[in-house]
Amino acid sequence: MVRIGGWNINRPTSPAPSGNLSGMKRGFVVISMVLVLPHLGAVAAETLDLPNQNALTSWRDLPGYTSEPTDLSKIEAVQIRCADQNLMPTHPAQTGKLYHLFRSNRYDHMKLSAEDYACRIGLPKVRAGVPARCGRADTAYDVIISDLYQDSCGNFYRGFIRRQYVQRDETVATLFSAGRMVYQNPRSSIPNDMITGKPYAVPVNEFVLISGLLEGDQEIIARAKVSD
């Protein structure tokens, strides 16, 4: 079974069980960098978990991927009203998932060597002693996703997770809601024919923001409970 979700799919924090996509390794060192996104308020003050940050260019919003609300500074953060500081998805499917930030940043290949992690295609070495240059650079993405959760005391919330990754690391897991999971359909011979699995708990500190329910969320939960 493949577990999907958690904070930053592509950043290993501990050895992962076999088949666990959340433990996928990357070959670079993380460098700290504070983001400034006024329309996101305090949510934006997070470490940028990307390789070769000196070669990043400018961020470009991809509004066609996002849904309201995108101004997270207007969303009131709430405290978990339960001693258990873990949240469970309200239901297995991602029917409540929203994208509040989706932006890309193409690396400057002139600032990368062929050996840099953000280089997709390296050029042949011109002469001995001179690092081979990068011919084609990767693209970085910065995404904030939210979905619906509940605590063990029965209170409902919307939890927001941030994912930062380069395109070469993207898998079916990368933009999956935290706490949800899928696995290969054992009755299908088609690769990546996935079916929904059992949800798992997400520690509160993995969310960049936790709010009360937004308009329409209660109805989504009610419909999901009926279908379950």
C-alpha atoms as a PDB file:
ATOM      1  CA  MET A   1       0.000   0.000   0.000  1.00  0.00           C
ATOM      2  CA  VAL A   2       1.250   3.496  -0.835  1.00  0.00           C
ATOM      3  CA  ARG A   3       0.858   6.186   1.797  1.00  0.00           C
ATOM      4  CA  ILE A   4       0.278   9.656   0.388  1.00  0.00           C
ATOM      5  CA  GLY A   5       0.332  13.001   2.179  1.00  0.00           C
ATOM      6  CA  GLY A   6       2.185  14.690   5.024  1.00  0.00           C
ATOM      7  CA  TRP A   7       4.469  17.704   4.885  1.00  0.00           C
ATOM      8  CA  ASN A   8       6.417  18.096   1.648  1.00  0.00           C
ATOM      9  CA  ILE A   9       6.296  14.747  -0.111  1.00  0.00           C
ATOM     10  CA  ASN A  10       9.826  15.070  -1.498  1.00  0.00           C
ATOM     11  CA  ARG A  11      11.650  15.984   1.728  1.00  0.00           C
ATOM     12  CA  PRO A  12      12.805  12.936   3.721  1.00  0.00           C
ATOM     13  CA  THR A  13      12.615  13.469   7.479  1.00  0.00           C
ATOM     14  CA  SER A  14      13.204   9.847   8.514  1.00  0.00           C
ATOM     15  CA  PRO A  15      13.785   6.479   6.825  1.00  0.00           C
ATOM     16  CA  ALA A  16      10.602   5.494   4.997  1.00  0.00           C
ATOM     17  CA  PRO A  17       8.973   2.085   4.845  1.00  0.00           C
ATOM     18  CA  SER A  18       9.185   0.246   1.550  1.00  0.00           C
ATOM     19  CA  GLY A  19       6.813   1.767  -0.990  1.00  0.00           C
ATOM     20  CA  ASN A  20       6.234   4.953   1.026  1.00  0.00           C
ATOM     21  CA  LEU A  21       6.339   7.853  -1.423  1.00  0.00           C
ATOM     22  CA  SER A  22       6.534  10.377   1.397  1.00  0.00           C
ATOM     23  CA  GLY A  23      10.117   9.291   2.045  1.00  0.00           C
ATOM     24  CA  MET A  24      11.426   9.742  -1.485  1.00  0.00           C
ATOM     25  CA  LYS A  25      15.018  11.009  -1.369  1.00  0.00           C
ATOM     26  CA  ARG A  26      16.382  14.032  -3.165  1.00  0.00           C
ATOM     27  CA  GLY A  27      20.007  14.740  -3.955  1.00  0.00           C
ATOM     28  CA  PHE A  28      20.433  18.282  -2.702  1.00  0.00           C
ATOM     29  CA  VAL A  29      20.982  20.325   0.425  1.00  0.00           C
ATOM     30  CA  VAL A  30      18.106  22.506   1.649  1.00  0.00           C
ATOM     31  CA  ILE A  31      18.894  26.217   2.025  1.00  0.00           C
ATOM     32  CA  SER A  32      16.734  28.463   4.209  1.00  0.00           C
ATOM     33  CA  MET A  33      14.974  31.394   2.592  1.00  0.00           C
ATOM     34  CA  VAL A  34      12.047  33.466   3.836  1.00  0.00           C
ATOM     35  CA  LEU A  35       9.240  34.196   1.380  1.00  0.00           C
ATOM     36  CA  VAL A  36       7.376  37.489   1.228  1.00  0.00           C
ATOM     37  CA  LEU A  37       3.812  37.077   0.008  1.00  0.00           C
ATOM     38  CA  PRO A  38       1.650  39.860   1.495  1.00  0.00           C
ATOM     39  CA  HIS A  39      -1.649  38.364   0.336  1.00  0.00           C
ATOM     40  CA  LEU A  40      -0.861  35.184   2.253  1.00  0.00           C
ATOM     41  CA  GLY A  41       0.004  36.926   5.525  1.00  0.00           C
ATOM     42  CA  ALA A  42       1.899  34.931   8.137  1.00  0.00           C
ATOM     43  CA  VAL A  43       1.387  31.713   6.182  1.00  0.00           C
ATOM     44  CA  ALA A  44       4.073  32.849   3.738  1.00  0.00           C
ATOM     45  CA  ALA A  45       6.842  33.027   6.322  1.00  0.00           C
ATOM     46  CA  GLU A  46       8.053  29.521   5.627  1.00  0.00           C
ATOM     47  CA  THR A  47      11.424  28.058   4.668  1.00  0.00           C
ATOM     48  CA  LEU A  48      11.763  27.571   0.932  1.00  0.00           C
ATOM     49  CA  ASP A  49      12.640  23.896   0.590  1.00  0.00           C
ATOM     50  CA  LEU A  50      14.204  23.875  -2.868  1.00  0.00           C
ATOM     51  CA  PRO A  51      17.632  23.104  -4.364  1.00  0.00           C
ATOM     52  CA  ASN A  52      19.978  25.607  -6.037  1.00  0.00           C
ATOM     53  CA  GLN A  53      18.039  28.645  -4.856  1.00  0.00           C
ATOM     54  CA  ASN A  54      20.673  31.032  -6.203  1.00  0.00           C
ATOM     55  CA  ALA A  55      19.535  30.057  -9.714  1.00  0.00           C
ATOM     56  CA  LEU A  56      15.831  30.731  -9.201  1.00  0.00           C
ATOM     57  CA  THR A  57      14.418  33.552 -11.320  1.00  0.00           C
ATOM     58  CA  SER A  58      10.980  35.044 -10.630  1.00  0.00           C
ATOM     59  CA  TRP A  59       7.801  33.431  -9.362  1.00  0.00           C
ATOM     60  CA  ARG A  60       4.817  33.322 -11.706  1.00  0.00           C
ATOM     61  CA  ASP A  61       1.314  32.759 -10.347  1.00  0.00           C
ATOM     62  CA  LEU A  62      -0.760  30.139 -12.128  1.00  0.00           C
ATOM     63  CA  PRO A  63      -4.276  31.426 -11.335  1.00  0.00           C
ATOM     64  CA  GLY A  64      -5.993  28.806 -13.449  1.00  0.00           C
ATOM     65  CA  TYR A  65      -5.033  26.205 -10.851  1.00  0.00           C
ATOM     66  CA  THR A  66      -6.291  28.026  -7.767  1.00  0.00           C
ATOM     67  CA  SER A  67      -9.686  28.504  -6.159  1.00  0.00           C
ATOM     68  CA  GLU A  68     -10.950  30.984  -3.600  1.00  0.00           C
ATOM     69  CA  PRO A  69      -9.948  32.010  -1.061  1.00  0.00           C
ATOM     70  CA  THR A  70      -6.460  32.931  -2.305  1.00  0.00           C
ATOM     71  CA  ASP A  71      -6.011  35.745   0.239  1.00  0.00           C
ATOM     72  CA  LEU A  72      -5.165  33.621   3.260  1.00  0.00           C
ATOM     73  CA  SER A  73      -4.370  36.687   5.377  1.00  0.00           C
ATOM     74  CA  LYS A  74      -8.138  37.113   5.787  1.00  0.00           C
ATOM     75  CA  ILE A  75      -8.664  33.609   7.148  1.00  0.00           C
ATOM     76  CA  GLU A  76      -8.706  33.368  10.925  1.00  0.00           C
ATOM     77  CA  ALA A  77      -6.457  30.695  12.398  1.00  0.00           C
ATOM     78  CA  VAL A  78      -8.000  28.563  15.154  1.00  0.00           C
ATOM     79  CA  GLN A  79      -6.619  26.349  17.917  1.00  0.00           C
ATOM     80  CA  ILE A  80      -7.432  22.650  18.033  1.00  0.00           C
ATOM     81  CA  ARG A  81     -10.130  22.206  20.665  1.00  0.00           C
ATOM     82  CA  CYS A  82      -8.961  18.777  21.750  1.00  0.00           C
ATOM     83  CA  ALA A  83      -6.095  17.315  23.785  1.00  0.00           C
ATOM     84  CA  ASP A  84      -5.115  15.040  20.894  1.00  0.00           C
ATOM     85  CA  GLN A  85      -3.040  17.225  18.552  1.00  0.00           C
ATOM     86  CA  ASN A  86      -3.628  15.142  15.437  1.00  0.00           C
ATOM     87  CA  LEU A  87      -6.235  15.635  12.734  1.00  0.00           C
ATOM     88  CA  MET A  88      -7.952  12.950  10.699  1.00  0.00           C
ATOM     89  CA  PRO A  89      -9.447  13.538   7.250  1.00  0.00           C
ATOM     90  CA  THR A  90     -13.214  13.817   7.508  1.00  0.00           C
ATOM     91  CA  HIS A  91     -13.516  11.277   4.683  1.00  0.00           C
ATOM     92  CA  PRO A  92     -11.132   9.306   2.418  1.00  0.00           C
ATOM     93  CA  ALA A  93     -11.680  11.140  -0.885  1.00  0.00           C
ATOM     94  CA  GLN A  94     -10.300  14.579  -1.811  1.00  0.00           C
ATOM     95  CA  THR A  95     -13.700  16.120  -2.521  1.00  0.00           C
ATOM     96  CA  GLY A  96     -12.934  19.061  -0.211  1.00  0.00           C
ATOM     97  CA  LYS A  97      -9.467  19.874  -1.580  1.00  0.00           C
ATOM     98  CA  LEU A  98      -8.711  23.459  -2.629  1.00  0.00           C
ATOM     99  CA  TYR A  99      -5.580  25.066  -4.120  1.00  0.00           C
ATOM    100  CA  HIS A 100      -4.929  28.526  -2.638  1.00  0.00           C
ATOM    101  CA  LEU A 101      -1.483  29.139  -4.114  1.00  0.00           C
ATOM    102  CA  PHE A 102       0.033  27.617  -7.238  1.00  0.00           C
ATOM    103  CA  ARG A 103       3.093  29.279  -8.724  1.00  0.00           C
ATOM    104  CA  SER A 104       6.149  28.278 -10.725  1.00  0.00           C
ATOM    105  CA  ASN A 105       9.733  29.468 -11.082  1.00  0.00           C
ATOM    106  CA  ARG A 106      11.968  28.402 -13.971  1.00  0.00           C
ATOM    107  CA  TYR A 107      15.636  28.108 -12.995  1.00  0.00           C
ATOM    108  CA  ASP A 108      18.251  30.121 -14.879  1.00  0.00           C
ATOM    109  CA  HIS A 109      20.325  27.454 -16.629  1.00  0.00           C
ATOM    110  CA  MET A 110      23.232  29.903 -16.965  1.00  0.00           C
ATOM    111  CA  LYS A 111      23.649  29.813 -13.172  1.00  0.00           C
ATOM    112  CA  LEU A 112      23.706  26.019 -13.002  1.00  0.00           C
ATOM    113  CA  SER A 113      26.340  23.425 -13.743  1.00  0.00           C
ATOM    114  CA  ALA A 114      25.507  20.105 -15.344  1.00  0.00           C
ATOM    115  CA  GLU A 115      25.892  18.452 -11.923  1.00  0.00           C
ATOM    116  CA  ASP A 116      23.401  20.701 -10.102  1.00  0.00           C
ATOM    117  CA  TYR A 117      20.175  19.043  -9.008  1.00  0.00           C
ATOM    118  CA  ALA A 118      18.034  21.692 -10.742  1.00  0.00           C
ATOM    119  CA  CYS A 119      19.693  20.960 -14.098  1.00  0.00           C
ATOM    120  CA  ARG A 120      17.625  18.589 -16.245  1.00  0.00           C
ATOM    121  CA  ILE A 121      20.006  18.299 -19.217  1.00  0.00           C
ATOM    122  CA  GLY A 122      23.737  18.949 -18.904  1.00  0.00           C
ATOM    123  CA  LEU A 123      26.019  19.992 -21.749  1.00  0.00           C
ATOM    124  CA  PRO A 124      29.234  18.112 -22.586  1.00  0.00           C
ATOM    125  CA  LYS A 125      32.353  19.327 -20.781  1.00  0.00           C
ATOM    126  CA  VAL A 126      34.259  21.797 -22.970  1.00  0.00           C
ATOM    127  CA  ARG A 127      37.693  21.388 -21.395  1.00  0.00           C
ATOM    128  CA  ALA A 128      39.334  19.749 -18.422  1.00  0.00           C
ATOM    129  CA  GLY A 129      39.052  21.567 -15.128  1.00  0.00           C
ATOM    130  CA  VAL A 130      35.971  23.562 -16.168  1.00  0.00           C
ATOM    131  CA  PRO A 131      32.570  22.338 -14.880  1.00  0.00           C
ATOM    132  CA  ALA A 132      30.132  21.286 -17.589  1.00  0.00           C
ATOM    133  CA  ARG A 133      27.348  23.817 -18.078  1.00  0.00           C
ATOM    134  CA  CYS A 134      23.612  23.208 -17.858  1.00  0.00           C
ATOM    135  CA  GLY A 135      21.681  23.141 -21.108  1.00  0.00           C
ATOM    136  CA  ARG A 136      18.156  22.898 -19.696  1.00  0.00           C
ATOM    137  CA  ALA A 137      16.981  23.805 -16.209  1.00  0.00           C
ATOM    138  CA  ASP A 138      14.124  22.449 -14.135  1.00  0.00           C
ATOM    139  CA  THR A 139      11.059  24.313 -12.871  1.00  0.00           C
ATOM    140  CA  ALA A 140      10.211  24.808  -9.179  1.00  0.00           C
ATOM    141  CA  TYR A 141       6.671  24.900  -7.793  1.00  0.00           C
ATOM    142  CA  ASP A 142       5.205  26.381  -4.622  1.00  0.00           C
ATOM    143  CA  VAL A 143       1.698  25.183  -3.720  1.00  0.00           C
ATOM    144  CA  ILE A 144      -0.676  25.584  -0.777  1.00  0.00           C
ATOM    145  CA  ILE A 145      -3.444  22.980  -0.533  1.00  0.00           C
ATOM    146  CA  SER A 146      -6.254  22.672   1.973  1.00  0.00           C
ATOM    147  CA  ASP A 147      -8.735  19.938   2.794  1.00  0.00           C
ATOM    148  CA  LEU A 148     -11.206  18.955   5.499  1.00  0.00           C
ATOM    149  CA  TYR A 149     -10.236  17.385   8.827  1.00  0.00           C
ATOM    150  CA  GLN A 150     -11.611  16.568  12.269  1.00  0.00           C
ATOM    151  CA  ASP A 151     -10.090  16.066  15.700  1.00  0.00           C
ATOM    152  CA  SER A 152     -10.742  13.107  17.987  1.00  0.00           C
ATOM    153  CA  CYS A 153     -13.266  15.231  19.919  1.00  0.00           C
ATOM    154  CA  GLY A 154     -15.478  15.595  16.831  1.00  0.00           C
ATOM    155  CA  ASN A 155     -14.636  19.195  15.830  1.00  0.00           C
ATOM    156  CA  PHE A 156     -14.195  20.043  12.137  1.00  0.00           C
ATOM    157  CA  TYR A 157     -11.461  22.168  10.527  1.00  0.00           C
ATOM    158  CA  ARG A 158      -9.888  23.115   7.232  1.00  0.00           C
ATOM    159  CA  GLY A 159      -6.160  22.379   7.262  1.00  0.00           C
ATOM    160  CA  PHE A 160      -3.634  24.010   4.921  1.00  0.00           C
ATOM    161  CA  ILE A 161      -0.444  22.251   3.771  1.00  0.00           C
ATOM    162  CA  ARG A 162       2.432  23.754   1.778  1.00  0.00           C
ATOM    163  CA  ARG A 163       4.310  21.780  -0.877  1.00  0.00           C
ATOM    164  CA  GLN A 164       7.493  23.033  -2.555  1.00  0.00           C
ATOM    165  CA  TYR A 165       9.174  20.830  -5.149  1.00  0.00           C
ATOM    166  CA  VAL A 166      10.972  20.675  -8.473  1.00  0.00           C
ATOM    167  CA  GLN A 167       9.282  19.103 -11.464  1.00  0.00           C
ATOM    168  CA  ARG A 168      11.640  16.134 -11.631  1.00  0.00           C
ATOM    169  CA  ASP A 169      10.451  15.037  -8.169  1.00  0.00           C
ATOM    170  CA  GLU A 170       6.734  15.220  -8.937  1.00  0.00           C
ATOM    171  CA  THR A 171       4.803  11.980  -8.423  1.00  0.00           C
ATOM    172  CA  VAL A 172       1.156  11.015  -7.980  1.00  0.00           C
ATOM    173  CA  ALA A 173       1.783  11.724  -4.288  1.00  0.00           C
ATOM    174  CA  THR A 174       3.078  15.271  -4.525  1.00  0.00           C
ATOM    175  CA  LEU A 175      -0.207  17.192  -4.536  1.00  0.00           C
ATOM    176  CA  PHE A 176      -2.343  14.672  -2.698  1.00  0.00           C
ATOM    177  CA  SER A 177      -4.155  15.954   0.391  1.00  0.00           C
ATOM    178  CA  ALA A 178      -2.360  15.194   3.650  1.00  0.00           C
ATOM    179  CA  GLY A 179      -3.859  12.215   5.451  1.00  0.00           C
ATOM    180  CA  ARG A 180      -5.401  10.703   2.331  1.00  0.00           C
ATOM    181  CA  MET A 181      -3.948   7.676   0.588  1.00  0.00           C
ATOM    182  CA  VAL A 182      -4.346   5.551  -2.493  1.00  0.00           C
ATOM    183  CA  TYR A 183      -2.905   2.250  -3.626  1.00  0.00           C
ATOM    184  CA  GLN A 184      -2.553   0.278  -6.807  1.00  0.00           C
ATOM    185  CA  ASN A 185      -5.746  -1.543  -7.717  1.00  0.00           C
ATOM    186  CA  PRO A 186      -4.814  -5.226  -7.248  1.00  0.00           C
ATOM    187  CA  ARG A 187      -7.442  -6.241  -9.814  1.00  0.00           C
ATOM    188  CA  SER A 188      -6.011  -3.998 -12.531  1.00  0.00           C
ATOM    189  CA  SER A 189      -2.981  -4.594 -14.748  1.00  0.00           C
ATOM    190  CA  ILE A 190      -2.848  -0.895 -15.666  1.00  0.00           C
ATOM    191  CA  PRO A 191       0.041   0.924 -13.892  1.00  0.00           C
ATOM    192  CA  ASN A 192      -1.078   3.758 -11.593  1.00  0.00           C
ATOM    193  CA  ASP A 193      -4.694   2.590 -11.622  1.00  0.00           C
ATOM    194  CA  MET A 194      -5.153   3.761  -8.046  1.00  0.00           C
ATOM    195  CA  ILE A 195      -8.044   3.308  -5.612  1.00  0.00           C
ATOM    196  CA  THR A 196      -8.758   5.197  -2.402  1.00  0.00           C
ATOM    197  CA  GLY A 197      -7.315   3.785   0.826  1.00  0.00           C
ATOM    198  CA  LYS A 198      -7.904   4.337   4.520  1.00  0.00           C
ATOM    199  CA  PRO A 199      -7.058   7.862   5.840  1.00  0.00           C
ATOM    200  CA  TYR A 200      -4.388   8.395   8.485  1.00  0.00           C
ATOM    201  CA  ALA A 201      -3.798  11.036  11.174  1.00  0.00           C
ATOM    202  CA  VAL A 202      -1.757  14.178  10.466  1.00  0.00           C
ATOM    203  CA  PRO A 203       0.094  15.985  13.308  1.00  0.00           C
ATOM    204  CA  VAL A 204      -1.126  19.555  13.782  1.00  0.00           C
ATOM    205  CA  ASN A 205       2.381  20.979  13.373  1.00  0.00           C
ATOM    206  CA  GLU A 206       2.498  19.796   9.751  1.00  0.00           C
ATOM    207  CA  PHE A 207      -0.124  22.364   8.759  1.00  0.00           C
ATOM    208  CA  VAL A 208       0.862  25.955   7.945  1.00  0.00           C
ATOM    209  CA  LEU A 209      -2.643  27.116   8.855  1.00  0.00           C
ATOM    210  CA  ILE A 210      -5.726  25.579  10.464  1.00  0.00           C
ATOM    211  CA  SER A 211      -9.056  27.385  10.202  1.00  0.00           C
ATOM    212  CA  GLY A 212     -12.696  26.748  10.865  1.00  0.00           C
ATOM    213  CA  LEU A 213     -14.869  25.474   8.038  1.00  0.00           C
ATOM    214  CA  LEU A 214     -15.395  27.679   4.994  1.00  0.00           C
ATOM    215  CA  GLU A 215     -18.732  28.244   3.305  1.00  0.00           C
ATOM    216  CA  GLY A 216     -19.967  24.991   1.791  1.00  0.00           C
ATOM    217  CA  ASP A 217     -17.580  22.743   3.747  1.00  0.00           C
ATOM    218  CA  GLN A 218     -20.271  21.391   6.060  1.00  0.00           C
ATOM    219  CA  GLU A 219     -22.287  20.248   3.037  1.00  0.00           C
ATOM    220  CA  ILE A 220     -19.241  18.488   1.558  1.00  0.00           C
ATOM    221  CA  ILE A 221     -18.709  16.594   4.806  1.00  0.00           C
ATOM    222  CA  ALA A 222     -22.390  15.668   5.054  1.00  0.00           C
ATOM    223  CA  ARG A 223     -22.464  14.317   1.479  1.00  0.00           C
ATOM    224  CA  ALA A 224     -19.271  12.319   2.090  1.00  0.00           C
ATOM    225  CA  LYS A 225     -20.663  10.762   5.271  1.00  0.00           C
ATOM    226  CA  VAL A 226     -23.748   9.618   3.384  1.00  0.00           C
ATOM    227  CA  SER A 227     -21.702   8.102   0.527  1.00  0.00           C
ATOM    228  CA  ASP A 228     -19.425   6.298   2.989  1.00  0.00           C
END
